[in-house]
C-alpha atoms as a PDB file:
ATOM      1  CA  MET A   1     -56.821-141.958-206.773  1.00  0.00           C
ATOM      2  CA  LYS A   2     -58.401-137.935-206.067  1.00  0.00           C
ATOM      3  CA  SER A   3     -56.070-136.589-204.046  1.00  0.00           C
ATOM      4  CA  GLU A   4     -52.400-135.835-203.205  1.00  0.00           C
ATOM      5  CA  GLN A   5     -52.993-138.340-200.206  1.00  0.00           C
ATOM      6  CA  ASP A   6     -54.431-140.905-202.606  1.00  0.00           C
ATOM      7  CA  PHE A   7     -51.460-140.861-204.640  1.00  0.00           C
ATOM      8  CA  VAL A   8     -48.762-140.669-201.476  1.00  0.00           C
ATOM      9  CA  THR A   9     -50.513-143.274-199.682  1.00  0.00           C
ATOM     10  CA  PHE A  10     -50.289-145.653-203.012  1.00  0.00           C
ATOM     11  CA  LEU A  11     -45.976-144.267-203.226  1.00  0.00           C
ATOM     12  CA  GLU A  12     -45.648-145.647-199.348  1.00  0.00           C
ATOM     13  CA  LYS A  13     -46.577-149.474-200.377  1.00  0.00           C
ATOM     14  CA  LEU A  14     -43.551-149.723-203.122  1.00  0.00           C
ATOM     15  CA  LYS A  15     -40.848-152.306-202.175  1.00  0.00           C
ATOM     16  CA  SER A  16     -37.862-150.388-200.856  1.00  0.00           C
ATOM     17  CA  TYR A  17     -34.543-152.461-202.340  1.00  0.00           C
ATOM     18  CA  ASP A  18     -32.181-150.281-199.367  1.00  0.00           C
ATOM     19  CA  ARG A  19     -31.606-151.087-196.181  1.00  0.00           C
ATOM     20  CA  ASN A  20     -29.853-147.681-195.403  1.00  0.00           C
ATOM     21  CA  ILE A  21     -33.423-145.903-196.334  1.00  0.00           C
ATOM     22  CA  ILE A  22     -34.806-145.118-192.657  1.00  0.00           C
ATOM     23  CA  LYS A  23     -37.716-142.976-194.058  1.00  0.00           C
ATOM     24  CA  GLY A  24     -38.400-142.878-197.819  1.00  0.00           C
ATOM     25  CA  ILE A  25     -41.913-141.737-198.819  1.00  0.00           C
ATOM     26  CA  GLY A  26     -44.623-140.202-196.894  1.00  0.00           C
ATOM     27  CA  ASP A  27     -42.937-137.060-194.715  1.00  0.00           C
ATOM     28  CA  ASP A  28     -41.393-133.799-195.650  1.00  0.00           C
ATOM     29  CA  CYS A  29     -38.108-135.367-196.737  1.00  0.00           C
ATOM     30  CA  SER A  30     -36.622-138.776-197.179  1.00  0.00           C
ATOM     31  CA  ILE A  31     -33.992-139.885-194.619  1.00  0.00           C
ATOM     32  CA  ILE A  32     -30.824-141.936-195.942  1.00  0.00           C
ATOM     33  CA  HIS A  33     -28.658-143.445-193.786  1.00  0.00           C
ATOM     34  CA  PHE A  34     -24.887-142.921-195.347  1.00  0.00           C
ATOM     35  CA  ALA A  35     -22.241-143.741-192.985  1.00  0.00           C
ATOM     36  CA  LYS A  36     -21.653-144.257-189.247  1.00  0.00           C
ATOM     37  CA  ASN A  37     -23.942-141.664-186.774  1.00  0.00           C
ATOM     38  CA  LYS A  38     -24.789-139.765-190.374  1.00  0.00           C
ATOM     39  CA  LYS A  39     -28.235-139.534-191.680  1.00  0.00           C
ATOM     40  CA  TYR A  40     -28.945-137.099-195.131  1.00  0.00           C
ATOM     41  CA  VAL A  41     -32.339-135.587-195.643  1.00  0.00           C
ATOM     42  CA  PHE A  42     -33.672-135.424-199.327  1.00  0.00           C
ATOM     43  CA  THR A  43     -36.281-132.990-200.385  1.00  0.00           C
ATOM     44  CA  THR A  44     -37.111-132.463-203.813  1.00  0.00           C
ATOM     45  CA  ASP A  45     -40.356-129.105-204.236  1.00  0.00           C
ATOM     46  CA  THR A  46     -41.864-127.732-207.756  1.00  0.00           C
ATOM     47  CA  SER A  47     -42.575-124.472-207.831  1.00  0.00           C
ATOM     48  CA  LEU A  48     -45.120-123.003-210.850  1.00  0.00           C
ATOM     49  CA  LEU A  49     -46.632-120.172-212.058  1.00  0.00           C
ATOM     50  CA  GLY A  50     -50.534-120.110-210.122  1.00  0.00           C
ATOM     51  CA  PRO A  51     -50.202-122.140-207.755  1.00  0.00           C
ATOM     52  CA  HIS A  52     -46.632-121.238-205.954  1.00  0.00           C
ATOM     53  CA  PHE A  53     -46.462-117.835-207.641  1.00  0.00           C
ATOM     54  CA  THR A  54     -47.952-115.307-210.034  1.00  0.00           C
ATOM     55  CA  LYS A  55     -46.626-112.545-212.616  1.00  0.00           C
ATOM     56  CA  ASP A  56     -46.643-110.091-210.038  1.00  0.00           C
ATOM     57  CA  TYR A  57     -44.181-111.748-208.446  1.00  0.00           C
ATOM     58  CA  THR A  58     -40.312-109.492-209.412  1.00  0.00           C
ATOM     59  CA  PRO A  59     -37.897-113.108-210.450  1.00  0.00           C
ATOM     60  CA  GLU A  60     -36.123-111.751-207.289  1.00  0.00           C
ATOM     61  CA  GLU A  61     -39.244-112.945-204.621  1.00  0.00           C
ATOM     62  CA  ILE A  62     -39.243-116.281-207.145  1.00  0.00           C
ATOM     63  CA  GLY A  63     -35.825-117.453-206.223  1.00  0.00           C
ATOM     64  CA  TYR A  64     -36.436-116.059-203.438  1.00  0.00           C
ATOM     65  CA  LYS A  65     -39.290-117.816-202.137  1.00  0.00           C
ATOM     66  CA  CYS A  66     -38.865-121.723-204.147  1.00  0.00           C
ATOM     67  CA  LEU A  67     -35.994-122.025-202.147  1.00  0.00           C
ATOM     68  CA  ALA A  68     -37.187-120.540-198.538  1.00  0.00           C
ATOM     69  CA  THR A  69     -39.779-123.537-199.511  1.00  0.00           C
ATOM     70  CA  ASN A  70     -37.331-125.997-199.691  1.00  0.00           C
ATOM     71  CA  ILE A  71     -35.511-125.299-197.255  1.00  0.00           C
ATOM     72  CA  SER A  72     -38.799-125.437-194.949  1.00  0.00           C
ATOM     73  CA  ASP A  73     -38.760-128.834-195.321  1.00  0.00           C
ATOM     74  CA  ILE A  74     -35.555-129.284-193.837  1.00  0.00           C
ATOM     75  CA  ALA A  75     -35.825-127.328-191.058  1.00  0.00           C
ATOM     76  CA  SER A  76     -39.248-129.268-190.021  1.00  0.00           C
ATOM     77  CA  MET A  77     -36.733-132.773-189.744  1.00  0.00           C
ATOM     78  CA  GLY A  78     -34.657-130.580-187.699  1.00  0.00           C
ATOM     79  CA  CYS A  79     -32.015-130.708-190.346  1.00  0.00           C
ATOM     80  CA  ILE A  80     -29.094-128.568-191.829  1.00  0.00           C
ATOM     81  CA  PRO A  81     -29.623-127.664-195.125  1.00  0.00           C
ATOM     82  CA  LEU A  82     -26.022-128.844-197.379  1.00  0.00           C
ATOM     83  CA  TYR A  83     -26.743-129.367-201.316  1.00  0.00           C
ATOM     84  CA  ALA A  84     -28.665-127.595-203.669  1.00  0.00           C
ATOM     85  CA  MET A  85     -29.882-128.880-207.302  1.00  0.00           C
ATOM     86  CA  TYR A  86     -32.028-127.212-209.228  1.00  0.00           C
ATOM     87  CA  ALA A  87     -34.520-128.144-212.049  1.00  0.00           C
ATOM     88  CA  ILE A  88     -35.438-125.092-214.581  1.00  0.00           C
ATOM     89  CA  THR A  89     -37.900-124.280-216.921  1.00  0.00           C
ATOM     90  CA  ILE A  90     -38.345-120.590-218.577  1.00  0.00           C
ATOM     91  CA  PRO A  91     -39.302-119.427-222.034  1.00  0.00           C
ATOM     92  CA  LYS A  92     -36.371-117.407-222.987  1.00  0.00           C
ATOM     93  CA  MET A  93     -33.146-116.550-221.779  1.00  0.00           C
ATOM     94  CA  SER A  94     -33.012-114.067-220.332  1.00  0.00           C
ATOM     95  CA  GLU A  95     -29.638-112.895-217.903  1.00  0.00           C
ATOM     96  CA  LYS A  96     -31.399-110.170-216.806  1.00  0.00           C
ATOM     97  CA  TRP A  97     -34.053-112.710-215.393  1.00  0.00           C
ATOM     98  CA  LEU A  98     -31.633-115.302-214.371  1.00  0.00           C
ATOM     99  CA  ARG A  99     -29.228-113.184-212.679  1.00  0.00           C
ATOM    100  CA  ALA A 100     -32.621-111.085-210.415  1.00  0.00           C
ATOM    101  CA  PHE A 101     -33.879-114.954-209.493  1.00  0.00           C
ATOM    102  CA  TYR A 102     -30.477-115.495-208.190  1.00  0.00           C
ATOM    103  CA  LYS A 103     -29.912-112.459-206.648  1.00  0.00           C
ATOM    104  CA  GLY A 104     -32.890-113.796-204.397  1.00  0.00           C
ATOM    105  CA  THR A 105     -31.887-116.833-204.280  1.00  0.00           C
ATOM    106  CA  ASN A 106     -28.528-116.360-203.241  1.00  0.00           C
ATOM    107  CA  LYS A 107     -30.339-114.261-200.214  1.00  0.00           C
ATOM    108  CA  LEU A 108     -30.624-118.066-198.591  1.00  0.00           C
ATOM    109  CA  LEU A 109     -27.193-119.834-199.752  1.00  0.00           C
ATOM    110  CA  ARG A 110     -25.448-117.479-198.426  1.00  0.00           C
ATOM    111  CA  LYS A 111     -27.190-117.588-194.926  1.00  0.00           C
ATOM    112  CA  TYR A 112     -28.012-121.215-194.667  1.00  0.00           C
ATOM    113  CA  LYS A 113     -24.147-122.066-196.947  1.00  0.00           C
ATOM    114  CA  ILE A 114     -25.732-124.111-199.088  1.00  0.00           C
ATOM    115  CA  SER A 115     -23.870-125.019-202.599  1.00  0.00           C
ATOM    116  CA  ILE A 116     -25.781-125.126-205.634  1.00  0.00           C
ATOM    117  CA  ILE A 117     -24.193-128.567-207.179  1.00  0.00           C
ATOM    118  CA  GLY A 118     -25.790-129.330-210.344  1.00  0.00           C
ATOM    119  CA  GLY A 119     -28.815-129.568-212.353  1.00  0.00           C
ATOM    120  CA  ASP A 120     -30.834-129.476-215.613  1.00  0.00           C
ATOM    121  CA  THR A 121     -32.489-126.481-217.635  1.00  0.00           C
ATOM    122  CA  THR A 122     -34.435-126.485-220.162  1.00  0.00           C
ATOM    123  CA  ARG A 123     -37.445-124.016-222.260  1.00  0.00           C
ATOM    124  CA  GLY A 124     -41.237-123.922-221.627  1.00  0.00           C
ATOM    125  CA  PRO A 125     -43.706-122.400-219.535  1.00  0.00           C
ATOM    126  CA  LEU A 126     -41.674-121.304-216.266  1.00  0.00           C
ATOM    127  CA  SER A 127     -41.139-123.941-213.731  1.00  0.00           C
ATOM    128  CA  ILE A 128     -38.924-124.622-210.514  1.00  0.00           C
ATOM    129  CA  THR A 129     -37.826-127.503-209.525  1.00  0.00           C
ATOM    130  CA  ILE A 130     -35.021-127.715-206.290  1.00  0.00           C
ATOM    131  CA  GLN A 131     -33.571-130.815-204.879  1.00  0.00           C
ATOM    132  CA  LEU A 132     -32.003-129.825-201.177  1.00  0.00           C
ATOM    133  CA  ILE A 133     -29.884-132.341-199.506  1.00  0.00           C
ATOM    134  CA  GLY A 134     -29.313-132.082-195.855  1.00  0.00           C
ATOM    135  CA  ILE A 135     -27.554-133.898-192.729  1.00  0.00           C
ATOM    136  CA  GLN A 136     -27.932-134.299-189.444  1.00  0.00           C
ATOM    137  CA  ASN A 137     -25.700-136.303-187.286  1.00  0.00           C
ATOM    138  CA  ASN A 138     -28.083-136.689-184.053  1.00  0.00           C
ATOM    139  CA  LYS A 139     -31.790-137.140-183.971  1.00  0.00           C
ATOM    140  CA  ILE A 140     -34.100-136.417-187.351  1.00  0.00           C
ATOM    141  CA  LEU A 141     -37.394-135.007-186.564  1.00  0.00           C
ATOM    142  CA  GLN A 142     -39.986-137.537-188.439  1.00  0.00           C
ATOM    143  CA  ARG A 143     -44.113-137.253-188.591  1.00  0.00           C
ATOM    144  CA  ASP A 144     -44.746-140.206-187.008  1.00  0.00           C
ATOM    145  CA  GLY A 145     -43.563-139.897-183.212  1.00  0.00           C
ATOM    146  CA  ALA A 146     -46.232-138.322-181.379  1.00  0.00           C
ATOM    147  CA  LYS A 147     -47.516-139.519-178.198  1.00  0.00           C
ATOM    148  CA  VAL A 148     -50.912-139.221-176.769  1.00  0.00           C
ATOM    149  CA  GLY A 149     -50.773-136.165-174.144  1.00  0.00           C
ATOM    150  CA  ASP A 150     -47.220-134.321-175.928  1.00  0.00           C
ATOM    151  CA  ASN A 151     -48.813-130.883-176.326  1.00  0.00           C
ATOM    152  CA  ILE A 152     -49.160-129.625-179.738  1.00  0.00           C
ATOM    153  CA  TYR A 153     -46.800-126.492-180.416  1.00  0.00           C
ATOM    154  CA  VAL A 154     -46.664-123.783-183.665  1.00  0.00           C
ATOM    155  CA  SER A 155     -43.789-120.878-184.317  1.00  0.00           C
ATOM    156  CA  GLY A 156     -44.422-117.567-184.803  1.00  0.00           C
ATOM    157  CA  THR A 157     -47.629-116.203-186.464  1.00  0.00           C
ATOM    158  CA  ILE A 158     -50.378-118.045-188.575  1.00  0.00           C
ATOM    159  CA  GLY A 159     -53.006-117.604-191.434  1.00  0.00           C
ATOM    160  CA  ASN A 160     -50.279-114.396-192.498  1.00  0.00           C
ATOM    161  CA  ALA A 161     -50.048-115.567-196.577  1.00  0.00           C
ATOM    162  CA  ARG A 162     -53.519-116.372-197.159  1.00  0.00           C
ATOM    163  CA  ALA A 163     -54.411-113.239-195.567  1.00  0.00           C
ATOM    164  CA  ALA A 164     -52.643-111.871-198.354  1.00  0.00           C
ATOM    165  CA  LEU A 165     -54.487-113.877-201.030  1.00  0.00           C
ATOM    166  CA  LEU A 166     -57.527-112.776-199.815  1.00  0.00           C
ATOM    167  CA  MET A 167     -57.230-108.939-200.100  1.00  0.00           C
ATOM    168  CA  ALA A 168     -57.246-106.883-202.512  1.00  0.00           C
ATOM    169  CA  LYS A 169     -53.999-105.761-204.451  1.00  0.00           C
ATOM    170  CA  LYS A 170     -52.750-102.677-203.401  1.00  0.00           C
ATOM    171  CA  SER A 171     -54.968-102.485-200.532  1.00  0.00           C
ATOM    172  CA  THR A 172     -53.057-101.540-197.515  1.00  0.00           C
ATOM    173  CA  GLY A 173     -53.636-104.592-195.601  1.00  0.00           C
ATOM    174  CA  HIS A 174     -52.456-106.223-198.653  1.00  0.00           C
ATOM    175  CA  LYS A 175     -49.421-104.628-198.317  1.00  0.00           C
ATOM    176  CA  TYR A 176     -48.771-105.828-195.114  1.00  0.00           C
ATOM    177  CA  PHE A 177     -49.271-109.307-195.470  1.00  0.00           C
ATOM    178  CA  ARG A 178     -47.463-109.761-198.714  1.00  0.00           C
ATOM    179  CA  LYS A 179     -44.313-109.562-196.888  1.00  0.00           C
ATOM    180  CA  TYR A 180     -45.024-113.568-195.614  1.00  0.00           C
ATOM    181  CA  LEU A 181     -46.789-114.577-198.430  1.00  0.00           C
ATOM    182  CA  VAL A 182     -43.288-113.907-200.866  1.00  0.00           C
ATOM    183  CA  ASN A 183     -40.759-113.927-198.022  1.00  0.00           C
ATOM    184  CA  PRO A 184     -40.922-116.578-196.006  1.00  0.00           C
ATOM    185  CA  THR A 185     -38.656-117.695-193.061  1.00  0.00           C
ATOM    186  CA  PRO A 186     -37.595-121.059-192.924  1.00  0.00           C
ATOM    187  CA  ARG A 187     -36.948-121.802-189.002  1.00  0.00           C
ATOM    188  CA  VAL A 188     -33.922-124.086-189.482  1.00  0.00           C
ATOM    189  CA  ASN A 189     -32.484-123.292-185.988  1.00  0.00           C
ATOM    190  CA  LEU A 190     -35.690-123.402-183.974  1.00  0.00           C
ATOM    191  CA  GLY A 191     -35.921-127.026-186.048  1.00  0.00           C
ATOM    192  CA  LEU A 192     -32.292-127.907-185.136  1.00  0.00           C
ATOM    193  CA  GLU A 193     -33.039-126.912-181.538  1.00  0.00           C
ATOM    194  CA  ILE A 194     -36.545-128.878-180.647  1.00  0.00           C
ATOM    195  CA  SER A 195     -34.819-132.022-182.456  1.00  0.00           C
ATOM    196  CA  LYS A 196     -33.440-132.447-178.958  1.00  0.00           C
ATOM    197  CA  PHE A 197     -36.303-133.124-177.165  1.00  0.00           C
ATOM    198  CA  ALA A 198     -39.311-133.052-179.809  1.00  0.00           C
ATOM    199  CA  SER A 199     -41.838-136.230-180.254  1.00  0.00           C
ATOM    200  CA  SER A 200     -42.983-135.127-184.658  1.00  0.00           C
ATOM    201  CA  CYS A 201     -42.895-132.041-186.169  1.00  0.00           C
ATOM    202  CA  ILE A 202     -44.208-130.602-189.856  1.00  0.00           C
ATOM    203  CA  ASP A 203     -44.035-127.906-191.912  1.00  0.00           C
ATOM    204  CA  ILE A 204     -47.362-125.772-192.103  1.00  0.00           C
ATOM    205  CA  SER A 205     -47.545-125.598-196.194  1.00  0.00           C
ATOM    206  CA  ASP A 206     -50.751-126.516-196.405  1.00  0.00           C
ATOM    207  CA  GLY A 207     -53.120-125.145-194.095  1.00  0.00           C
ATOM    208  CA  LEU A 208     -52.436-126.231-190.391  1.00  0.00           C
ATOM    209  CA  ALA A 209     -55.593-128.344-190.356  1.00  0.00           C
ATOM    210  CA  LYS A 210     -53.870-130.339-193.049  1.00  0.00           C
ATOM    211  CA  ASP A 211     -50.406-130.388-191.624  1.00  0.00           C
ATOM    212  CA  LEU A 212     -51.390-131.369-188.101  1.00  0.00           C
ATOM    213  CA  LYS A 213     -53.485-134.192-189.222  1.00  0.00           C
ATOM    214  CA  ASN A 214     -50.644-135.155-191.621  1.00  0.00           C
ATOM    215  CA  ILE A 215     -48.912-135.373-188.191  1.00  0.00           C
ATOM    216  CA  ALA A 216     -52.128-137.279-186.218  1.00  0.00           C
ATOM    217  CA  MET A 217     -52.442-140.197-188.991  1.00  0.00           C
ATOM    218  CA  SER A 218     -48.533-140.905-189.284  1.00  0.00           C
ATOM    219  CA  SER A 219     -48.262-140.964-185.587  1.00  0.00           C
ATOM    220  CA  ASN A 220     -51.719-143.205-185.057  1.00  0.00           C
ATOM    221  CA  LYS A 221     -53.203-140.397-182.663  1.00  0.00           C
ATOM    222  CA  GLY A 222     -56.138-137.660-182.932  1.00  0.00           C
ATOM    223  CA  PHE A 223     -55.866-134.072-181.202  1.00  0.00           C
ATOM    224  CA  LYS A 224     -57.769-131.357-179.578  1.00  0.00           C
ATOM    225  CA  VAL A 225     -56.605-127.579-180.454  1.00  0.00           C
ATOM    226  CA  ASN A 226     -58.371-124.755-178.995  1.00  0.00           C
ATOM    227  CA  ILE A 227     -58.227-122.190-181.691  1.00  0.00           C
ATOM    228  CA  ASP A 228     -58.159-118.903-179.452  1.00  0.00           C
ATOM    229  CA  GLN A 229     -54.898-120.150-178.474  1.00  0.00           C
ATOM    230  CA  ILE A 230     -53.519-119.574-182.268  1.00  0.00           C
ATOM    231  CA  PRO A 231     -51.113-117.311-182.465  1.00  0.00           C
ATOM    232  CA  VAL A 232     -52.351-114.242-185.454  1.00  0.00           C
ATOM    233  CA  THR A 233     -50.856-110.976-186.010  1.00  0.00           C
ATOM    234  CA  PRO A 234     -53.096-107.940-183.955  1.00  0.00           C
ATOM    235  CA  LYS A 235     -53.478-106.584-188.097  1.00  0.00           C
ATOM    236  CA  LEU A 236     -54.970-110.052-188.939  1.00  0.00           C
ATOM    237  CA  ASN A 237     -58.143-109.416-186.980  1.00  0.00           C
ATOM    238  CA  LYS A 238     -58.368-105.768-188.187  1.00  0.00           C
ATOM    239  CA  TYR A 239     -58.216-106.386-192.198  1.00  0.00           C
ATOM    240  CA  ILE A 240     -60.009-110.279-192.268  1.00  0.00           C
ATOM    241  CA  LEU A 241     -63.524-110.332-191.840  1.00  0.00           C
ATOM    242  CA  PRO A 242     -64.514-113.050-189.380  1.00  0.00           C
ATOM    243  CA  LYS A 243     -66.477-115.307-192.061  1.00  0.00           C
ATOM    244  CA  TYR A 244     -62.513-115.795-193.386  1.00  0.00           C
ATOM    245  CA  ARG A 245     -60.216-116.095-190.529  1.00  0.00           C
ATOM    246  CA  GLU A 246     -60.831-119.739-190.298  1.00  0.00           C
ATOM    247  CA  GLU A 247     -59.509-120.006-193.866  1.00  0.00           C
ATOM    248  CA  CYS A 248     -56.249-117.828-193.353  1.00  0.00           C
ATOM    249  CA  ILE A 249     -55.500-120.045-190.258  1.00  0.00           C
ATOM    250  CA  LEU A 250     -56.115-123.534-190.486  1.00  0.00           C
ATOM    251  CA  GLY A 251     -57.306-123.894-194.752  1.00  0.00           C
ATOM    252  CA  GLY A 252     -54.626-121.433-196.129  1.00  0.00           C
ATOM    253  CA  GLY A 253     -50.908-122.537-196.214  1.00  0.00           C
ATOM    254  CA  GLU A 254     -47.845-121.189-196.842  1.00  0.00           C
ATOM    255  CA  ASP A 255     -46.924-120.272-193.405  1.00  0.00           C
ATOM    256  CA  TYR A 256     -43.703-122.035-193.440  1.00  0.00           C
ATOM    257  CA  GLU A 257     -44.321-122.091-189.340  1.00  0.00           C
ATOM    258  CA  LEU A 258     -42.724-125.684-188.052  1.00  0.00           C
ATOM    259  CA  CYS A 259     -45.792-127.660-185.799  1.00  0.00           C
ATOM    260  CA  PHE A 260     -44.320-130.125-183.167  1.00  0.00           C
ATOM    261  CA  THR A 261     -45.347-132.062-180.484  1.00  0.00           C
ATOM    262  CA  ALA A 262     -43.105-132.273-177.600  1.00  0.00           C
ATOM    263  CA  ASN A 263     -43.904-133.928-173.797  1.00  0.00           C
ATOM    264  CA  LYS A 264     -44.937-131.479-171.590  1.00  0.00           C
ATOM    265  CA  LYS A 265     -42.037-131.467-169.378  1.00  0.00           C
ATOM    266  CA  TYR A 266     -40.394-130.140-172.228  1.00  0.00           C
ATOM    267  CA  SER A 267     -41.820-126.931-171.143  1.00  0.00           C
ATOM    268  CA  LEU A 268     -38.803-124.955-169.531  1.00  0.00           C
ATOM    269  CA  ASN A 269     -37.238-125.973-172.564  1.00  0.00           C
ATOM    270  CA  ILE A 270     -39.533-124.289-175.597  1.00  0.00           C
ATOM    271  CA  ASN A 271     -39.979-121.493-173.721  1.00  0.00           C
ATOM    272  CA  THR A 272     -35.679-121.090-173.315  1.00  0.00           C
ATOM    273  CA  ILE A 273     -35.360-121.488-177.060  1.00  0.00           C
ATOM    274  CA  SER A 274     -38.154-118.871-177.497  1.00  0.00           C
ATOM    275  CA  SER A 275     -36.093-116.199-175.678  1.00  0.00           C
ATOM    276  CA  LYS A 276     -33.099-117.311-177.549  1.00  0.00           C
ATOM    277  CA  LEU A 277     -34.207-117.341-181.183  1.00  0.00           C
ATOM    278  CA  LYS A 278     -36.724-114.642-180.211  1.00  0.00           C
ATOM    279  CA  LEU A 279     -39.353-116.069-181.921  1.00  0.00           C
ATOM    280  CA  ASN A 280     -42.640-116.790-180.119  1.00  0.00           C
ATOM    281  CA  ILE A 281     -43.682-120.818-179.357  1.00  0.00           C
ATOM    282  CA  THR A 282     -47.544-121.289-178.962  1.00  0.00           C
ATOM    283  CA  LYS A 283     -49.121-124.449-177.200  1.00  0.00           C
ATOM    284  CA  ILE A 284     -52.581-124.649-179.165  1.00  0.00           C
ATOM    285  CA  GLY A 285     -53.603-128.223-177.927  1.00  0.00           C
ATOM    286  CA  ILE A 286     -52.773-131.599-176.974  1.00  0.00           C
ATOM    287  CA  ILE A 287     -52.221-135.156-179.011  1.00  0.00           C
ATOM    288  CA  THR A 288     -54.855-137.595-178.257  1.00  0.00           C
ATOM    289  CA  ASN A 289     -55.802-141.465-178.376  1.00  0.00           C
ATOM    290  CA  LYS A 290     -58.235-141.018-181.763  1.00  0.00           C
ATOM    291  CA  GLY A 291     -60.419-138.283-183.408  1.00  0.00           C
ATOM    292  CA  TYR A 292     -59.355-134.620-184.253  1.00  0.00           C
ATOM    293  CA  GLU A 293     -61.150-131.856-182.153  1.00  0.00           C
ATOM    294  CA  TYR A 294     -61.311-128.258-182.159  1.00  0.00           C
ATOM    295  CA  SER A 295     -62.914-126.064-179.885  1.00  0.00           C
ATOM    296  CA  LEU A 296     -63.193-122.041-180.535  1.00  0.00           C
ATOM    297  CA  ASN A 297     -64.580-119.848-177.431  1.00  0.00           C
ATOM    298  CA  GLY A 298     -64.610-122.723-174.870  1.00  0.00           C
ATOM    299  CA  LYS A 299     -67.572-124.965-177.711  1.00  0.00           C
ATOM    300  CA  VAL A 300     -66.790-127.502-179.734  1.00  0.00           C
ATOM    301  CA  ALA A 301     -65.742-126.476-183.360  1.00  0.00           C
ATOM    302  CA  ASN A 302     -66.859-127.585-186.433  1.00  0.00           C
ATOM    303  CA  VAL A 303     -63.932-127.003-188.797  1.00  0.00           C
ATOM    304  CA  LYS A 304     -64.585-127.417-192.401  1.00  0.00           C
ATOM    305  CA  SER A 305     -61.173-125.739-193.506  1.00  0.00           C
ATOM    306  CA  LYS A 306     -58.978-129.219-195.167  1.00  0.00           C
ATOM    307  CA  GLY A 307     -55.918-127.121-196.454  1.00  0.00           C
ATOM    308  CA  TYR A 308     -54.771-127.289-199.925  1.00  0.00           C
ATOM    309  CA  ASP A 309     -54.528-129.815-202.344  1.00  0.00           C
ATOM    310  CA  HIS A 310     -53.306-129.423-205.928  1.00  0.00           C
ATOM    311  CA  PHE A 311     -55.850-132.196-207.083  1.00  0.00           C
ATOM    312  CA  ALA A 312     -58.623-130.623-205.390  1.00  0.00           C
ATOM    313  CA  ASP A 313     -60.808-129.612-208.051  1.00  0.00           C
ATOM    314  CA  SER A 314     -59.577-132.159-210.742  1.00  0.00           C
END
């Protein structure tokens, strides 16, 4: 095994022993059917000092981001977050640090009416693990439903978090982009809206190139993407050198926007949702039968960005 995906593929082969498991390993959340017309989704993420947050983060920012990234998984399934369980490892007991941490967390708990129902606390190097449980009474979005001819969409703007990491700290550009890195917005309302018709969905956590490929692989399809159509903030073009542009918008990750596919007949529905939520939703390509093709300035582009992998350097 050389990558996260290799490990996931290995785990997918393990036998499941409960018929209520609709989807186990291989998506943003697992799906369990407990009662008629009620399906619950479960997701777990661990955030560590280094790959997920750095020493310049305040405890409040850590508390917010760790929960926001988990909620984003629930959003990508078109579900409503309900319950949270926290497993926190901290170097020492500090009331000041913990109160600040939960101040950041509480912003999202209140916004989405999420209840903390349990967890664990231990002593050691800083590590935050959160399990979230969500619900959807109707259709739950998965990665494996994309159809040939479906349009590919992304929400918001892409590449901002990576741009923050590329900029010198305390520079004007870093100060602008840092809010996208530290305070991502989970697209829960968008997920709920598109769950009525979208064929597949994923949140952009590891880079658009990798996450869209995950949809294609799960759906056994290909795609064509026009890089010129991928939405970015004007300031990305201002502050990021052209040689780093691809890394930001295709390889960087941590955008936590939604990438989804839908039949072209739903174009008007998507425009309506965009206006309703005051959120840009942009078509960037189409699903094909096979192959992964990018174009830039009207020509086929050789994309080198593969997205983030925790074990890429091991």
